[in-house]
PDB file of N, CA and C in Angstrom:
ATOM      1  N   MET A   1       0.846  -1.164   0.000  1.00  0.00           N
ATOM      2  CA  MET A   1       0.000   0.000   0.000  1.00  0.00           C
ATOM      3  C   MET A   1       0.893   1.228   0.000  1.00  0.00           C
ATOM      4  N   ASN A   2       0.643   2.172  -0.897  1.00  0.00           N
ATOM      5  CA  ASN A   2       1.447   3.385  -0.894  1.00  0.00           C
ATOM      6  C   ASN A   2       0.795   4.438  -0.016  1.00  0.00           C
ATOM      7  N   GLN A   3       1.444   5.582   0.115  1.00  0.00           N
ATOM      8  CA  GLN A   3       0.971   6.593   1.050  1.00  0.00           C
ATOM      9  C   GLN A   3      -0.360   7.207   0.657  1.00  0.00           C
ATOM     10  N   HIS A   4      -0.815   7.000  -0.574  1.00  0.00           N
ATOM     11  CA  HIS A   4      -2.075   7.582  -1.003  1.00  0.00           C
ATOM     12  C   HIS A   4      -3.231   6.601  -0.911  1.00  0.00           C
ATOM     13  N   ASP A   5      -2.939   5.349  -0.588  1.00  0.00           N
ATOM     14  CA  ASP A   5      -3.997   4.354  -0.439  1.00  0.00           C
ATOM     15  C   ASP A   5      -4.608   4.459   0.953  1.00  0.00           C
ATOM     16  N   ALA A   6      -5.880   4.187   1.037  1.00  0.00           N
ATOM     17  CA  ALA A   6      -6.559   4.193   2.331  1.00  0.00           C
ATOM     18  C   ALA A   6      -7.535   3.033   2.365  1.00  0.00           C
ATOM     19  N   ILE A   7      -7.749   2.542   3.539  1.00  0.00           N
ATOM     20  CA  ILE A   7      -8.694   1.447   3.720  1.00  0.00           C
ATOM     21  C   ILE A   7      -9.717   1.891   4.748  1.00  0.00           C
ATOM     22  N   ASP A   8     -10.988   1.880   4.356  1.00  0.00           N
ATOM     23  CA  ASP A   8     -12.076   2.170   5.280  1.00  0.00           C
ATOM     24  C   ASP A   8     -12.652   0.850   5.758  1.00  0.00           C
ATOM     25  N   ARG A   9     -12.929   0.760   7.033  1.00  0.00           N
ATOM     26  CA  ARG A   9     -13.513  -0.458   7.584  1.00  0.00           C
ATOM     27  C   ARG A   9     -14.613  -0.080   8.570  1.00  0.00           C
ATOM     28  N   THR A  10     -15.664  -0.842   8.557  1.00  0.00           N
ATOM     29  CA  THR A  10     -16.698  -0.765   9.573  1.00  0.00           C
ATOM     30  C   THR A  10     -16.851  -2.169  10.131  1.00  0.00           C
ATOM     31  N   VAL A  11     -16.691  -2.293  11.423  1.00  0.00           N
ATOM     32  CA  VAL A  11     -16.789  -3.590  12.072  1.00  0.00           C
ATOM     33  C   VAL A  11     -17.991  -3.545  13.004  1.00  0.00           C
ATOM     34  N   VAL A  12     -18.914  -4.450  12.809  1.00  0.00           N
ATOM     35  CA  VAL A  12     -20.085  -4.532  13.671  1.00  0.00           C
ATOM     36  C   VAL A  12     -19.953  -5.799  14.498  1.00  0.00           C
ATOM     37  N   ALA A  13     -20.030  -5.631  15.788  1.00  0.00           N
ATOM     38  CA  ALA A  13     -19.919  -6.782  16.669  1.00  0.00           C
ATOM     39  C   ALA A  13     -21.114  -6.801  17.608  1.00  0.00           C
ATOM     40  N   SER A  14     -21.637  -7.946  17.826  1.00  0.00           N
ATOM     41  CA  SER A  14     -22.730  -8.072  18.786  1.00  0.00           C
ATOM     42  C   SER A  14     -22.502  -9.310  19.620  1.00  0.00           C
ATOM     43  N   GLY A  15     -22.989  -9.257  20.812  1.00  0.00           N
ATOM     44  CA  GLY A  15     -22.839 -10.399  21.695  1.00  0.00           C
ATOM     45  C   GLY A  15     -23.599 -10.161  22.972  1.00  0.00           C
ATOM     46  N   PRO A  16     -23.751 -11.199  23.758  1.00  0.00           N
ATOM     47  CA  PRO A  16     -24.528 -11.049  24.988  1.00  0.00           C
ATOM     48  C   PRO A  16     -23.773 -10.258  26.041  1.00  0.00           C
ATOM     49  N   ALA A  17     -24.481  -9.362  26.668  1.00  0.00           N
ATOM     50  CA  ALA A  17     -23.965  -8.685  27.850  1.00  0.00           C
ATOM     51  C   ALA A  17     -24.551  -9.439  29.045  1.00  0.00           C
ATOM     52  N   ASP A  18     -24.531  -8.837  30.217  1.00  0.00           N
ATOM     53  CA  ASP A  18     -25.091  -9.530  31.377  1.00  0.00           C
ATOM     54  C   ASP A  18     -26.570  -9.855  31.186  1.00  0.00           C
ATOM     55  N   TRP A  19     -27.327  -8.904  30.668  1.00  0.00           N
ATOM     56  CA  TRP A  19     -28.760  -9.120  30.559  1.00  0.00           C
ATOM     57  C   TRP A  19     -29.337  -8.765  29.202  1.00  0.00           C
ATOM     58  N   ASN A  20     -28.520  -8.262  28.304  1.00  0.00           N
ATOM     59  CA  ASN A  20     -29.038  -7.942  26.974  1.00  0.00           C
ATOM     60  C   ASN A  20     -27.945  -8.081  25.933  1.00  0.00           C
ATOM     61  N   SER A  21     -28.327  -7.891  24.689  1.00  0.00           N
ATOM     62  CA  SER A  21     -27.375  -7.976  23.587  1.00  0.00           C
ATOM     63  C   SER A  21     -26.910  -6.573  23.240  1.00  0.00           C
ATOM     64  N   ALA A  22     -25.605  -6.383  23.146  1.00  0.00           N
ATOM     65  CA  ALA A  22     -25.050  -5.072  22.816  1.00  0.00           C
ATOM     66  C   ALA A  22     -24.477  -5.119  21.409  1.00  0.00           C
ATOM     67  N   THR A  23     -24.652  -4.040  20.695  1.00  0.00           N
ATOM     68  CA  THR A  23     -24.084  -3.914  19.360  1.00  0.00           C
ATOM     69  C   THR A  23     -23.269  -2.632  19.321  1.00  0.00           C
ATOM     70  N   PHE A  24     -22.074  -2.704  18.770  1.00  0.00           N
ATOM     71  CA  PHE A  24     -21.276  -1.501  18.614  1.00  0.00           C
ATOM     72  C   PHE A  24     -20.639  -1.503  17.239  1.00  0.00           C
ATOM     73  N   VAL A  25     -20.315  -0.314  16.776  1.00  0.00           N
ATOM     74  CA  VAL A  25     -19.713  -0.149  15.462  1.00  0.00           C
ATOM     75  C   VAL A  25     -18.408   0.598  15.642  1.00  0.00           C
ATOM     76  N   ILE A  26     -17.358   0.080  15.039  1.00  0.00           N
ATOM     77  CA  ILE A  26     -16.059   0.738  15.064  1.00  0.00           C
ATOM     78  C   ILE A  26     -15.798   1.266  13.663  1.00  0.00           C
ATOM     79  N   LEU A  27     -15.578   2.557  13.556  1.00  0.00           N
ATOM     80  CA  LEU A  27     -15.280   3.176  12.270  1.00  0.00           C
ATOM     81  C   LEU A  27     -13.829   3.615  12.277  1.00  0.00           C
ATOM     82  N   GLY A  28     -13.192   3.524  11.140  1.00  0.00           N
ATOM     83  CA  GLY A  28     -11.817   3.977  11.070  1.00  0.00           C
ATOM     84  C   GLY A  28     -11.300   3.975   9.661  1.00  0.00           C
ATOM     85  N   ARG A  29     -10.261   4.739   9.452  1.00  0.00           N
ATOM     86  CA  ARG A  29      -9.582   4.781   8.160  1.00  0.00           C
ATOM     87  C   ARG A  29      -8.099   4.562   8.415  1.00  0.00           C
ATOM     88  N   LEU A  30      -7.568   3.564   7.732  1.00  0.00           N
ATOM     89  CA  LEU A  30      -6.152   3.237   7.859  1.00  0.00           C
ATOM     90  C   LEU A  30      -5.418   3.780   6.648  1.00  0.00           C
ATOM     91  N   VAL A  31      -4.374   4.555   6.890  1.00  0.00           N
ATOM     92  CA  VAL A  31      -3.547   5.090   5.806  1.00  0.00           C
ATOM     93  C   VAL A  31      -2.083   4.844   6.155  1.00  0.00           C
ATOM     94  N   ARG A  32      -1.249   4.927   5.155  1.00  0.00           N
ATOM     95  CA  ARG A  32       0.197   4.807   5.364  1.00  0.00           C
ATOM     96  C   ARG A  32       0.831   6.102   4.875  1.00  0.00           C
ATOM     97  N   VAL A  33       1.515   6.786   5.779  1.00  0.00           N
ATOM     98  CA  VAL A  33       2.154   8.060   5.470  1.00  0.00           C
ATOM     99  C   VAL A  33       3.634   7.946   5.806  1.00  0.00           C
ATOM    100  N   ARG A  34       4.467   8.100   4.790  1.00  0.00           N
ATOM    101  CA  ARG A  34       5.925   8.035   4.971  1.00  0.00           C
ATOM    102  C   ARG A  34       6.361   6.788   5.733  1.00  0.00           C
ATOM    103  N   GLY A  35       5.750   5.654   5.384  1.00  0.00           N
ATOM    104  CA  GLY A  35       6.130   4.393   5.997  1.00  0.00           C
ATOM    105  C   GLY A  35       5.479   4.090   7.333  1.00  0.00           C
ATOM    106  N   GLN A  36       4.651   4.991   7.848  1.00  0.00           N
ATOM    107  CA  GLN A  36       3.990   4.779   9.138  1.00  0.00           C
ATOM    108  C   GLN A  36       2.507   4.533   8.921  1.00  0.00           C
ATOM    109  N   ASN A  37       1.967   3.493   9.549  1.00  0.00           N
ATOM    110  CA  ASN A  37       0.534   3.213   9.499  1.00  0.00           C
ATOM    111  C   ASN A  37      -0.187   4.124  10.486  1.00  0.00           C
ATOM    112  N   ILE A  38      -1.199   4.823   9.994  1.00  0.00           N
ATOM    113  CA  ILE A  38      -1.970   5.743  10.817  1.00  0.00           C
ATOM    114  C   ILE A  38      -3.432   5.330  10.744  1.00  0.00           C
ATOM    115  N   LEU A  39      -4.071   5.191  11.908  1.00  0.00           N
ATOM    116  CA  LEU A  39      -5.484   4.842  11.977  1.00  0.00           C
ATOM    117  C   LEU A  39      -6.248   6.051  12.499  1.00  0.00           C
ATOM    118  N   PHE A  40      -7.179   6.553  11.685  1.00  0.00           N
ATOM    119  CA  PHE A  40      -8.021   7.681  12.067  1.00  0.00           C
ATOM    120  C   PHE A  40      -9.342   7.127  12.579  1.00  0.00           C
ATOM    121  N   SER A  41      -9.769   7.550  13.744  1.00  0.00           N
ATOM    122  CA  SER A  41     -11.027   7.095  14.324  1.00  0.00           C
ATOM    123  C   SER A  41     -11.957   8.286  14.514  1.00  0.00           C
ATOM    124  N   PRO A  42     -12.884   8.512  13.555  1.00  0.00           N
ATOM    125  CA  PRO A  42     -13.798   9.642  13.704  1.00  0.00           C
ATOM    126  C   PRO A  42     -14.761   9.465  14.871  1.00  0.00           C
ATOM    127  N   SER A  43     -15.100   8.236  15.217  1.00  0.00           N
ATOM    128  CA  SER A  43     -16.043   8.012  16.312  1.00  0.00           C
ATOM    129  C   SER A  43     -15.439   8.375  17.670  1.00  0.00           C
ATOM    130  N   GLN A  44     -14.121   8.270  17.793  1.00  0.00           N
ATOM    131  CA  GLN A  44     -13.451   8.629  19.043  1.00  0.00           C
ATOM    132  C   GLN A  44     -12.666   9.928  18.918  1.00  0.00           C
ATOM    133  N   ASN A  45     -12.733  10.562  17.749  1.00  0.00           N
ATOM    134  CA  ASN A  45     -11.956  11.778  17.489  1.00  0.00           C
ATOM    135  C   ASN A  45     -10.496  11.569  17.867  1.00  0.00           C
ATOM    136  N   ALA A  46      -9.900  10.493  17.341  1.00  0.00           N
ATOM    137  CA  ALA A  46      -8.539  10.144  17.714  1.00  0.00           C
ATOM    138  C   ALA A  46      -7.745   9.692  16.493  1.00  0.00           C
ATOM    139  N   ILE A  47      -6.432   9.797  16.621  1.00  0.00           N
ATOM    140  CA  ILE A  47      -5.492   9.330  15.607  1.00  0.00           C
ATOM    141  C   ILE A  47      -4.504   8.405  16.312  1.00  0.00           C
ATOM    142  N   PHE A  48      -4.294   7.218  15.724  1.00  0.00           N
ATOM    143  CA  PHE A  48      -3.400   6.235  16.323  1.00  0.00           C
ATOM    144  C   PHE A  48      -2.307   5.859  15.337  1.00  0.00           C
ATOM    145  N   ALA A  49      -1.072   5.801  15.803  1.00  0.00           N
ATOM    146  CA  ALA A  49       0.021   5.230  15.019  1.00  0.00           C
ATOM    147  C   ALA A  49       0.051   3.746  15.364  1.00  0.00           C
ATOM    148  N   VAL A  50      -0.047   2.891  14.343  1.00  0.00           N
ATOM    149  CA  VAL A  50      -0.091   1.446  14.594  1.00  0.00           C
ATOM    150  C   VAL A  50       1.047   0.754  13.854  1.00  0.00           C
ATOM    151  N   ASN A  51       1.497  -0.369  14.401  1.00  0.00           N
ATOM    152  CA  ASN A  51       2.578  -1.114  13.756  1.00  0.00           C
ATOM    153  C   ASN A  51       2.029  -1.943  12.592  1.00  0.00           C
ATOM    154  N   ASP A  52       2.915  -2.598  11.870  1.00  0.00           N
ATOM    155  CA  ASP A  52       2.512  -3.364  10.684  1.00  0.00           C
ATOM    156  C   ASP A  52       1.567  -4.513  11.023  1.00  0.00           C
ATOM    157  N   THR A  53       1.783  -5.155  12.165  1.00  0.00           N
ATOM    158  CA  THR A  53       0.906  -6.257  12.561  1.00  0.00           C
ATOM    159  C   THR A  53      -0.508  -5.761  12.814  1.00  0.00           C
ATOM    160  N   ALA A  54      -0.638  -4.660  13.534  1.00  0.00           N
ATOM    161  CA  ALA A  54      -1.961  -4.089  13.795  1.00  0.00           C
ATOM    162  C   ALA A  54      -2.627  -3.649  12.501  1.00  0.00           C
ATOM    163  N   ALA A  55      -1.867  -3.089  11.582  1.00  0.00           N
ATOM    164  CA  ALA A  55      -2.418  -2.669  10.290  1.00  0.00           C
ATOM    165  C   ALA A  55      -2.893  -3.877   9.489  1.00  0.00           C
ATOM    166  N   ASP A  56      -2.143  -4.972   9.527  1.00  0.00           N
ATOM    167  CA  ASP A  56      -2.561  -6.196   8.835  1.00  0.00           C
ATOM    168  C   ASP A  56      -3.854  -6.745   9.424  1.00  0.00           C
ATOM    169  N   ILE A  57      -3.972  -6.711  10.741  1.00  0.00           N
ATOM    170  CA  ILE A  57      -5.198  -7.175  11.393  1.00  0.00           C
ATOM    171  C   ILE A  57      -6.363  -6.292  10.995  1.00  0.00           C
ATOM    172  N   TRP A  58      -6.170  -4.976  10.996  1.00  0.00           N
ATOM    173  CA  TRP A  58      -7.240  -4.050  10.609  1.00  0.00           C
ATOM    174  C   TRP A  58      -7.696  -4.325   9.172  1.00  0.00           C
ATOM    175  N   ARG A  59      -6.741  -4.556   8.288  1.00  0.00           N
ATOM    176  CA  ARG A  59      -7.091  -4.833   6.889  1.00  0.00           C
ATOM    177  C   ARG A  59      -7.876  -6.133   6.747  1.00  0.00           C
ATOM    178  N   SER A  60      -7.614  -7.096   7.618  1.00  0.00           N
ATOM    179  CA  SER A  60      -8.277  -8.396   7.499  1.00  0.00           C
ATOM    180  C   SER A  60      -9.687  -8.410   8.081  1.00  0.00           C
ATOM    181  N   LEU A  61     -10.054  -7.388   8.828  1.00  0.00           N
ATOM    182  CA  LEU A  61     -11.404  -7.351   9.421  1.00  0.00           C
ATOM    183  C   LEU A  61     -12.462  -7.142   8.378  1.00  0.00           C
TER     184      LEU A  61
END
């Protein structure tokens, strides 16, 4: 992936809580800038620098 490529992912997970079923959505955009993987999270208003393993996991979701 070059620095201009981006991967958008939406992950929906649901499962039983103590007494009900919870559903959450994780939104994010993974980009590579100057060799560094950067994950933008608009839902948390955060930016994360992630290693290659974490970026590979994000891409596989």
